[in-house]
PDB file of N, CA and C in Angstrom:
ATOM      1  N   UNK A   1       2.622  -3.492 -75.648  1.00  0.00           N
ATOM      2  CA  UNK A   1       2.984  -3.304 -74.271  1.00  0.00           C
ATOM      3  C   UNK A   1       2.474  -1.953 -73.759  1.00  0.00           C
ATOM      4  N   UNK A   2       2.534  -0.943 -74.588  1.00  0.00           N
ATOM      5  CA  UNK A   2       2.074   0.377 -74.166  1.00  0.00           C
ATOM      6  C   UNK A   2       0.557   0.500 -74.241  1.00  0.00           C
ATOM      7  N   UNK A   3      -0.088  -0.485 -74.820  1.00  0.00           N
ATOM      8  CA  UNK A   3      -1.541  -0.419 -74.950  1.00  0.00           C
ATOM      9  C   UNK A   3      -2.222  -0.585 -73.595  1.00  0.00           C
ATOM     10  N   UNK A   4      -1.597  -1.227 -72.656  1.00  0.00           N
ATOM     11  CA  UNK A   4      -2.229  -1.447 -71.359  1.00  0.00           C
ATOM     12  C   UNK A   4      -2.175  -0.210 -70.476  1.00  0.00           C
ATOM     13  N   UNK A   5      -1.268   0.739 -70.760  1.00  0.00           N
ATOM     14  CA  UNK A   5      -1.178   1.948 -69.947  1.00  0.00           C
ATOM     15  C   UNK A   5      -2.446   2.808 -70.032  1.00  0.00           C
ATOM     16  N   UNK A   6      -2.957   3.128 -71.216  1.00  0.00           N
ATOM     17  CA  UNK A   6      -4.209   3.905 -71.250  1.00  0.00           C
ATOM     18  C   UNK A   6      -5.391   3.128 -70.670  1.00  0.00           C
ATOM     19  N   UNK A   7      -5.393   1.810 -70.862  1.00  0.00           N
ATOM     20  CA  UNK A   7      -6.467   0.987 -70.320  1.00  0.00           C
ATOM     21  C   UNK A   7      -6.434   1.007 -68.793  1.00  0.00           C
ATOM     22  N   UNK A   8      -5.240   0.886 -68.214  1.00  0.00           N
ATOM     23  CA  UNK A   8      -5.108   0.918 -66.765  1.00  0.00           C
ATOM     24  C   UNK A   8      -5.496   2.291 -66.213  1.00  0.00           C
ATOM     25  N   UNK A   9      -5.116   3.358 -66.918  1.00  0.00           N
ATOM     26  CA  UNK A   9      -5.476   4.706 -66.473  1.00  0.00           C
ATOM     27  C   UNK A   9      -6.994   4.900 -66.516  1.00  0.00           C
ATOM     28  N   UNK A  10      -7.642   4.391 -67.559  1.00  0.00           N
ATOM     29  CA  UNK A  10      -9.094   4.519 -67.663  1.00  0.00           C
ATOM     30  C   UNK A  10      -9.793   3.728 -66.563  1.00  0.00           C
ATOM     31  N   UNK A  11      -9.274   2.551 -66.251  1.00  0.00           N
ATOM     32  CA  UNK A  11      -9.879   1.752 -65.183  1.00  0.00           C
ATOM     33  C   UNK A  11      -9.712   2.418 -63.819  1.00  0.00           C
ATOM     34  N   UNK A  12      -8.564   3.014 -63.593  1.00  0.00           N
ATOM     35  CA  UNK A  12      -8.339   3.681 -62.313  1.00  0.00           C
ATOM     36  C   UNK A  12      -9.237   4.906 -62.153  1.00  0.00           C
ATOM     37  N   UNK A  13      -9.531   5.571 -63.240  1.00  0.00           N
ATOM     38  CA  UNK A  13     -10.404   6.738 -63.160  1.00  0.00           C
ATOM     39  C   UNK A  13     -11.865   6.340 -62.945  1.00  0.00           C
ATOM     40  N   UNK A  14     -12.239   5.142 -63.322  1.00  0.00           N
ATOM     41  CA  UNK A  14     -13.614   4.688 -63.211  1.00  0.00           C
ATOM     42  C   UNK A  14     -13.915   4.024 -61.864  1.00  0.00           C
ATOM     43  N   UNK A  15     -12.910   3.762 -61.060  1.00  0.00           N
ATOM     44  CA  UNK A  15     -13.107   3.050 -59.804  1.00  0.00           C
ATOM     45  C   UNK A  15     -13.697   4.005 -58.765  1.00  0.00           C
ATOM     46  N   UNK A  16     -14.908   3.743 -58.271  1.00  0.00           N
ATOM     47  CA  UNK A  16     -15.496   4.637 -57.275  1.00  0.00           C
ATOM     48  C   UNK A  16     -14.903   4.445 -55.878  1.00  0.00           C
ATOM     49  N   UNK A  17     -14.233   3.338 -55.617  1.00  0.00           N
ATOM     50  CA  UNK A  17     -13.657   3.086 -54.301  1.00  0.00           C
ATOM     51  C   UNK A  17     -12.504   4.045 -54.014  1.00  0.00           C
ATOM     52  N   UNK A  18     -11.875   4.556 -55.060  1.00  0.00           N
ATOM     53  CA  UNK A  18     -10.781   5.488 -54.863  1.00  0.00           C
ATOM     54  C   UNK A  18     -11.288   6.789 -54.250  1.00  0.00           C
ATOM     55  N   UNK A  19     -12.512   7.130 -54.534  1.00  0.00           N
ATOM     56  CA  UNK A  19     -13.086   8.340 -53.967  1.00  0.00           C
ATOM     57  C   UNK A  19     -13.470   8.141 -52.505  1.00  0.00           C
ATOM     58  N   UNK A  20     -13.611   6.903 -52.075  1.00  0.00           N
ATOM     59  CA  UNK A  20     -14.055   6.618 -50.723  1.00  0.00           C
ATOM     60  C   UNK A  20     -12.946   6.797 -49.701  1.00  0.00           C
ATOM     61  N   UNK A  21     -11.712   6.936 -50.148  1.00  0.00           N
ATOM     62  CA  UNK A  21     -10.602   7.106 -49.208  1.00  0.00           C
ATOM     63  C   UNK A  21     -10.686   8.489 -48.578  1.00  0.00           C
ATOM     64  N   UNK A  22     -10.816   8.509 -47.277  1.00  0.00           N
ATOM     65  CA  UNK A  22     -10.789   9.777 -46.563  1.00  0.00           C
ATOM     66  C   UNK A  22      -9.331  10.120 -46.290  1.00  0.00           C
ATOM     67  N   UNK A  23      -9.081  11.254 -45.695  1.00  0.00           N
ATOM     68  CA  UNK A  23      -7.715  11.686 -45.477  1.00  0.00           C
ATOM     69  C   UNK A  23      -6.884  10.743 -44.615  1.00  0.00           C
ATOM     70  N   UNK A  24      -7.373  10.212 -43.504  1.00  0.00           N
ATOM     71  CA  UNK A  24      -6.522   9.312 -42.703  1.00  0.00           C
ATOM     72  C   UNK A  24      -6.116   8.055 -43.468  1.00  0.00           C
ATOM     73  N   UNK A  25      -7.042   7.477 -44.194  1.00  0.00           N
ATOM     74  CA  UNK A  25      -6.707   6.265 -44.932  1.00  0.00           C
ATOM     75  C   UNK A  25      -5.698   6.566 -46.036  1.00  0.00           C
ATOM     76  N   UNK A  26      -5.841   7.704 -46.668  1.00  0.00           N
ATOM     77  CA  UNK A  26      -4.890   8.087 -47.703  1.00  0.00           C
ATOM     78  C   UNK A  26      -3.496   8.278 -47.112  1.00  0.00           C
ATOM     79  N   UNK A  27      -3.448   8.866 -45.929  1.00  0.00           N
ATOM     80  CA  UNK A  27      -2.152   9.050 -45.262  1.00  0.00           C
ATOM     81  C   UNK A  27      -1.527   7.705 -44.905  1.00  0.00           C
ATOM     82  N   UNK A  28      -2.338   6.755 -44.467  1.00  0.00           N
ATOM     83  CA  UNK A  28      -1.812   5.432 -44.138  1.00  0.00           C
ATOM     84  C   UNK A  28      -1.244   4.752 -45.380  1.00  0.00           C
ATOM     85  N   UNK A  29      -1.930   4.897 -46.496  1.00  0.00           N
ATOM     86  CA  UNK A  29      -1.444   4.298 -47.742  1.00  0.00           C
ATOM     87  C   UNK A  29      -0.129   4.950 -48.148  1.00  0.00           C
ATOM     88  N   UNK A  30      -0.064   6.266 -48.082  1.00  0.00           N
ATOM     89  CA  UNK A  30       1.168   6.963 -48.458  1.00  0.00           C
ATOM     90  C   UNK A  30       2.302   6.625 -47.483  1.00  0.00           C
ATOM     91  N   UNK A  31       1.987   6.510 -46.203  1.00  0.00           N
ATOM     92  CA  UNK A  31       3.007   6.101 -45.238  1.00  0.00           C
ATOM     93  C   UNK A  31       3.546   4.711 -45.549  1.00  0.00           C
ATOM     94  N   UNK A  32       2.666   3.805 -45.920  1.00  0.00           N
ATOM     95  CA  UNK A  32       3.098   2.455 -46.290  1.00  0.00           C
ATOM     96  C   UNK A  32       3.998   2.465 -47.512  1.00  0.00           C
ATOM     97  N   UNK A  33       3.637   3.276 -48.500  1.00  0.00           N
ATOM     98  CA  UNK A  33       4.458   3.370 -49.709  1.00  0.00           C
ATOM     99  C   UNK A  33       5.826   3.953 -49.376  1.00  0.00           C
ATOM    100  N   UNK A  34       5.864   5.010 -48.576  1.00  0.00           N
ATOM    101  CA  UNK A  34       7.146   5.603 -48.198  1.00  0.00           C
ATOM    102  C   UNK A  34       7.981   4.650 -47.349  1.00  0.00           C
ATOM    103  N   UNK A  35       7.336   3.872 -46.493  1.00  0.00           N
ATOM    104  CA  UNK A  35       8.047   2.890 -45.683  1.00  0.00           C
ATOM    105  C   UNK A  35       8.712   1.837 -46.569  1.00  0.00           C
ATOM    106  N   UNK A  36       7.964   1.311 -47.522  1.00  0.00           N
ATOM    107  CA  UNK A  36       8.536   0.323 -48.444  1.00  0.00           C
ATOM    108  C   UNK A  36       9.650   0.930 -49.284  1.00  0.00           C
ATOM    109  N   UNK A  37       9.463   2.165 -49.705  1.00  0.00           N
ATOM    110  CA  UNK A  37      10.485   2.873 -50.478  1.00  0.00           C
ATOM    111  C   UNK A  37      11.764   3.012 -49.657  1.00  0.00           C
ATOM    112  N   UNK A  38      11.644   3.347 -48.391  1.00  0.00           N
ATOM    113  CA  UNK A  38      12.812   3.464 -47.526  1.00  0.00           C
ATOM    114  C   UNK A  38      13.523   2.138 -47.337  1.00  0.00           C
ATOM    115  N   UNK A  39      12.762   1.075 -47.199  1.00  0.00           N
ATOM    116  CA  UNK A  39      13.369  -0.251 -47.041  1.00  0.00           C
ATOM    117  C   UNK A  39      14.122  -0.643 -48.305  1.00  0.00           C
ATOM    118  N   UNK A  40      13.512  -0.419 -49.464  1.00  0.00           N
ATOM    119  CA  UNK A  40      14.166  -0.764 -50.732  1.00  0.00           C
ATOM    120  C   UNK A  40      15.444   0.040 -50.909  1.00  0.00           C
ATOM    121  N   UNK A  41      15.404   1.343 -50.624  1.00  0.00           N
ATOM    122  CA  UNK A  41      16.613   2.159 -50.758  1.00  0.00           C
ATOM    123  C   UNK A  41      17.701   1.721 -49.788  1.00  0.00           C
ATOM    124  N   UNK A  42      17.333   1.347 -48.584  1.00  0.00           N
ATOM    125  CA  UNK A  42      18.313   0.880 -47.610  1.00  0.00           C
ATOM    126  C   UNK A  42      18.963  -0.413 -48.075  1.00  0.00           C
ATOM    127  N   UNK A  43      18.175  -1.317 -48.602  1.00  0.00           N
ATOM    128  CA  UNK A  43      18.718  -2.583 -49.111  1.00  0.00           C
ATOM    129  C   UNK A  43      19.656  -2.334 -50.280  1.00  0.00           C
ATOM    130  N   UNK A  44      19.268  -1.455 -51.191  1.00  0.00           N
ATOM    131  CA  UNK A  44      20.134  -1.156 -52.339  1.00  0.00           C
ATOM    132  C   UNK A  44      21.428  -0.482 -51.898  1.00  0.00           C
ATOM    133  N   UNK A  45      21.350   0.405 -50.901  1.00  0.00           N
ATOM    134  CA  UNK A  45      22.548   1.071 -50.395  1.00  0.00           C
ATOM    135  C   UNK A  45      23.494   0.055 -49.747  1.00  0.00           C
ATOM    136  N   UNK A  46      22.963  -0.829 -48.939  1.00  0.00           N
ATOM    137  CA  UNK A  46      23.807  -1.851 -48.298  1.00  0.00           C
ATOM    138  C   UNK A  46      24.431  -2.776 -49.336  1.00  0.00           C
ATOM    139  N   UNK A  47      23.666  -3.137 -50.340  1.00  0.00           N
ATOM    140  CA  UNK A  47      24.194  -3.989 -51.409  1.00  0.00           C
ATOM    141  C   UNK A  47      25.336  -3.279 -52.142  1.00  0.00           C
ATOM    142  N   UNK A  48      25.175  -1.999 -52.411  1.00  0.00           N
ATOM    143  CA  UNK A  48      26.219  -1.236 -53.088  1.00  0.00           C
ATOM    144  C   UNK A  48      27.481  -1.154 -52.241  1.00  0.00           C
ATOM    145  N   UNK A  49      27.326  -0.948 -50.936  1.00  0.00           N
ATOM    146  CA  UNK A  49      28.486  -0.891 -50.055  1.00  0.00           C
ATOM    147  C   UNK A  49      29.227  -2.223 -50.026  1.00  0.00           C
ATOM    148  N   UNK A  50      28.490  -3.321 -49.987  1.00  0.00           N
ATOM    149  CA  UNK A  50      29.114  -4.648 -49.948  1.00  0.00           C
ATOM    150  C   UNK A  50      29.842  -4.937 -51.250  1.00  0.00           C
ATOM    151  N   UNK A  51      29.220  -4.607 -52.377  1.00  0.00           N
ATOM    152  CA  UNK A  51      29.837  -4.877 -53.680  1.00  0.00           C
ATOM    153  C   UNK A  51      31.102  -4.049 -53.862  1.00  0.00           C
ATOM    154  N   UNK A  52      31.061  -2.779 -53.487  1.00  0.00           N
ATOM    155  CA  UNK A  52      32.254  -1.948 -53.656  1.00  0.00           C
ATOM    156  C   UNK A  52      33.371  -2.375 -52.701  1.00  0.00           C
ATOM    157  N   UNK A  53      33.022  -2.815 -51.500  1.00  0.00           N
ATOM    158  CA  UNK A  53      34.038  -3.282 -50.559  1.00  0.00           C
ATOM    159  C   UNK A  53      34.706  -4.549 -51.094  1.00  0.00           C
ATOM    160  N   UNK A  54      33.930  -5.440 -51.684  1.00  0.00           N
ATOM    161  CA  UNK A  54      34.512  -6.663 -52.274  1.00  0.00           C
ATOM    162  C   UNK A  54      35.410  -6.320 -53.442  1.00  0.00           C
ATOM    163  N   UNK A  55      34.983  -5.372 -54.269  1.00  0.00           N
ATOM    164  CA  UNK A  55      35.776  -4.991 -55.434  1.00  0.00           C
ATOM    165  C   UNK A  55      37.109  -4.377 -55.009  1.00  0.00           C
ATOM    166  N   UNK A  56      37.112  -3.608 -53.940  1.00  0.00           N
ATOM    167  CA  UNK A  56      38.353  -3.001 -53.452  1.00  0.00           C
ATOM    168  C   UNK A  56      39.276  -4.071 -52.882  1.00  0.00           C
ATOM    169  N   UNK A  57      38.717  -5.040 -52.185  1.00  0.00           N
ATOM    170  CA  UNK A  57      39.539  -6.088 -51.592  1.00  0.00           C
ATOM    171  C   UNK A  57      40.113  -7.016 -52.654  1.00  0.00           C
ATOM    172  N   UNK A  58      39.370  -7.267 -53.717  1.00  0.00           N
ATOM    173  CA  UNK A  58      39.824  -8.193 -54.749  1.00  0.00           C
ATOM    174  C   UNK A  58      40.701  -7.520 -55.800  1.00  0.00           C
ATOM    175  N   UNK A  59      40.722  -6.217 -55.840  1.00  0.00           N
ATOM    176  CA  UNK A  59      41.518  -5.506 -56.846  1.00  0.00           C
ATOM    177  C   UNK A  59      43.001  -5.667 -56.528  1.00  0.00           C
ATOM    178  N   UNK A  60      43.819  -5.820 -57.573  1.00  0.00           N
ATOM    179  CA  UNK A  60      45.255  -5.922 -57.324  1.00  0.00           C
ATOM    180  C   UNK A  60      45.780  -4.578 -56.811  1.00  0.00           C
ATOM    181  N   UNK A  61      46.731  -4.683 -55.913  1.00  0.00           N
ATOM    182  CA  UNK A  61      47.296  -3.473 -55.318  1.00  0.00           C
ATOM    183  C   UNK A  61      48.198  -2.780 -56.329  1.00  0.00           C
ATOM    184  N   UNK A  62      47.961  -1.502 -56.535  1.00  0.00           N
ATOM    185  CA  UNK A  62      48.788  -0.697 -57.429  1.00  0.00           C
ATOM    186  C   UNK A  62      49.618   0.253 -56.579  1.00  0.00           C
ATOM    187  N   UNK A  63      50.764   0.646 -57.090  1.00  0.00           N
ATOM    188  CA  UNK A  63      51.522   1.646 -56.339  1.00  0.00           C
ATOM    189  C   UNK A  63      50.748   2.967 -56.322  1.00  0.00           C
ATOM    190  N   UNK A  64      51.018   3.767 -55.327  1.00  0.00           N
ATOM    191  CA  UNK A  64      50.320   5.047 -55.227  1.00  0.00           C
ATOM    192  C   UNK A  64      50.604   5.897 -56.454  1.00  0.00           C
ATOM    193  N   UNK A  65      49.554   6.311 -57.091  1.00  0.00           N
ATOM    194  CA  UNK A  65      49.680   7.170 -58.262  1.00  0.00           C
ATOM    195  C   UNK A  65      48.975   8.480 -57.984  1.00  0.00           C
ATOM    196  N   UNK A  66      49.253   9.037 -56.847  1.00  0.00           N
ATOM    197  CA  UNK A  66      48.595  10.270 -56.460  1.00  0.00           C
ATOM    198  C   UNK A  66      49.198  11.474 -57.155  1.00  0.00           C
ATOM    199  N   UNK A  67      48.734  12.607 -56.777  1.00  0.00           N
ATOM    200  CA  UNK A  67      49.158  13.870 -57.371  1.00  0.00           C
ATOM    201  C   UNK A  67      50.598  14.195 -57.003  1.00  0.00           C
ATOM    202  N   UNK A  68      51.032  13.808 -55.800  1.00  0.00           N
ATOM    203  CA  UNK A  68      52.345  14.169 -55.304  1.00  0.00           C
ATOM    204  C   UNK A  68      53.338  13.007 -55.387  1.00  0.00           C
ATOM    205  N   UNK A  69      53.125  12.061 -56.292  1.00  0.00           N
ATOM    206  CA  UNK A  69      53.947  10.849 -56.333  1.00  0.00           C
ATOM    207  C   UNK A  69      55.413  11.145 -56.613  1.00  0.00           C
ATOM    208  N   UNK A  70      55.713  11.952 -57.600  1.00  0.00           N
ATOM    209  CA  UNK A  70      57.105  12.191 -57.984  1.00  0.00           C
ATOM    210  C   UNK A  70      57.810  13.235 -57.145  1.00  0.00           C
ATOM    211  N   UNK A  71      57.133  13.867 -56.252  1.00  0.00           N
ATOM    212  CA  UNK A  71      57.725  14.943 -55.463  1.00  0.00           C
ATOM    213  C   UNK A  71      58.333  14.405 -54.181  1.00  0.00           C
ATOM    214  N   UNK A  72      59.476  14.955 -53.824  1.00  0.00           N
ATOM    215  CA  UNK A  72      60.072  14.585 -52.541  1.00  0.00           C
ATOM    216  C   UNK A  72      60.697  15.833 -51.929  1.00  0.00           C
ATOM    217  N   UNK A  73      60.779  15.858 -50.645  1.00  0.00           N
ATOM    218  CA  UNK A  73      61.359  17.019 -49.960  1.00  0.00           C
ATOM    219  C   UNK A  73      62.670  16.654 -49.279  1.00  0.00           C
ATOM    220  N   UNK A  74      63.313  15.595 -49.720  1.00  0.00           N
ATOM    221  CA  UNK A  74      64.548  15.148 -49.086  1.00  0.00           C
ATOM    222  C   UNK A  74      65.698  16.116 -49.311  1.00  0.00           C
ATOM    223  N   UNK A  75      65.799  16.679 -50.506  1.00  0.00           N
ATOM    224  CA  UNK A  75      66.943  17.516 -50.851  1.00  0.00           C
ATOM    225  C   UNK A  75      66.582  18.991 -50.878  1.00  0.00           C
ATOM    226  N   UNK A  76      65.442  19.333 -50.369  1.00  0.00           N
ATOM    227  CA  UNK A  76      65.029  20.730 -50.372  1.00  0.00           C
ATOM    228  C   UNK A  76      64.983  21.248 -48.945  1.00  0.00           C
ATOM    229  N   UNK A  77      65.399  22.455 -48.799  1.00  0.00           N
ATOM    230  CA  UNK A  77      65.293  23.087 -47.506  1.00  0.00           C
ATOM    231  C   UNK A  77      63.882  23.645 -47.351  1.00  0.00           C
ATOM    232  N   UNK A  78      63.469  23.776 -46.138  1.00  0.00           N
ATOM    233  CA  UNK A  78      62.136  24.290 -45.898  1.00  0.00           C
ATOM    234  C   UNK A  78      62.017  25.736 -46.358  1.00  0.00           C
ATOM    235  N   UNK A  79      63.020  26.532 -46.007  1.00  0.00           N
ATOM    236  CA  UNK A  79      63.026  27.944 -46.417  1.00  0.00           C
ATOM    237  C   UNK A  79      64.271  28.177 -47.264  1.00  0.00           C
ATOM    238  N   UNK A  80      64.093  28.552 -48.486  1.00  0.00           N
ATOM    239  CA  UNK A  80      65.218  28.838 -49.343  1.00  0.00           C
ATOM    240  C   UNK A  80      65.423  30.350 -49.385  1.00  0.00           C
ATOM    241  N   UNK A  81      66.652  30.761 -49.500  1.00  0.00           N
ATOM    242  CA  UNK A  81      66.960  32.187 -49.570  1.00  0.00           C
ATOM    243  C   UNK A  81      66.671  32.701 -50.965  1.00  0.00           C
ATOM    244  N   UNK A  82      66.051  33.841 -51.047  1.00  0.00           N
ATOM    245  CA  UNK A  82      65.814  34.491 -52.323  1.00  0.00           C
ATOM    246  C   UNK A  82      67.079  35.235 -52.735  1.00  0.00           C
ATOM    247  N   UNK A  83      67.334  35.225 -54.022  1.00  0.00           N
ATOM    248  CA  UNK A  83      68.492  35.950 -54.551  1.00  0.00           C
ATOM    249  C   UNK A  83      68.101  37.400 -54.802  1.00  0.00           C
ATOM    250  N   UNK A  84      68.792  38.315 -54.146  1.00  0.00           N
ATOM    251  CA  UNK A  84      68.527  39.741 -54.349  1.00  0.00           C
ATOM    252  C   UNK A  84      69.286  40.221 -55.563  1.00  0.00           C
ATOM    253  N   UNK A  85      68.615  40.959 -56.411  1.00  0.00           N
ATOM    254  CA  UNK A  85      69.293  41.557 -57.579  1.00  0.00           C
ATOM    255  C   UNK A  85      69.716  42.971 -57.214  1.00  0.00           C
ATOM    256  N   UNK A  86      70.991  43.279 -57.409  1.00  0.00           N
ATOM    257  CA  UNK A  86      71.450  44.631 -57.056  1.00  0.00           C
ATOM    258  C   UNK A  86      70.979  45.689 -58.034  1.00  0.00           C
TER     259      UNK A  86
END
């Protein structure tokens, strides 16, 4: 499988048509590649958003297990008096 990589590299170096690309044509080719790259990334991002949204909707609901779960302020005053030591 790796044997075709050096062969492909040698063929690409021997192609004289690659030298015929002037700057505008090269820019058009690179623009096309970047355009396709942007489309592929957008599709993958949308697919990821859809999959994660489905996973959240299908997941069983768990009680909140946040950082402040066991804390309550029902029996605490907002400002407590400090005890002064004589």
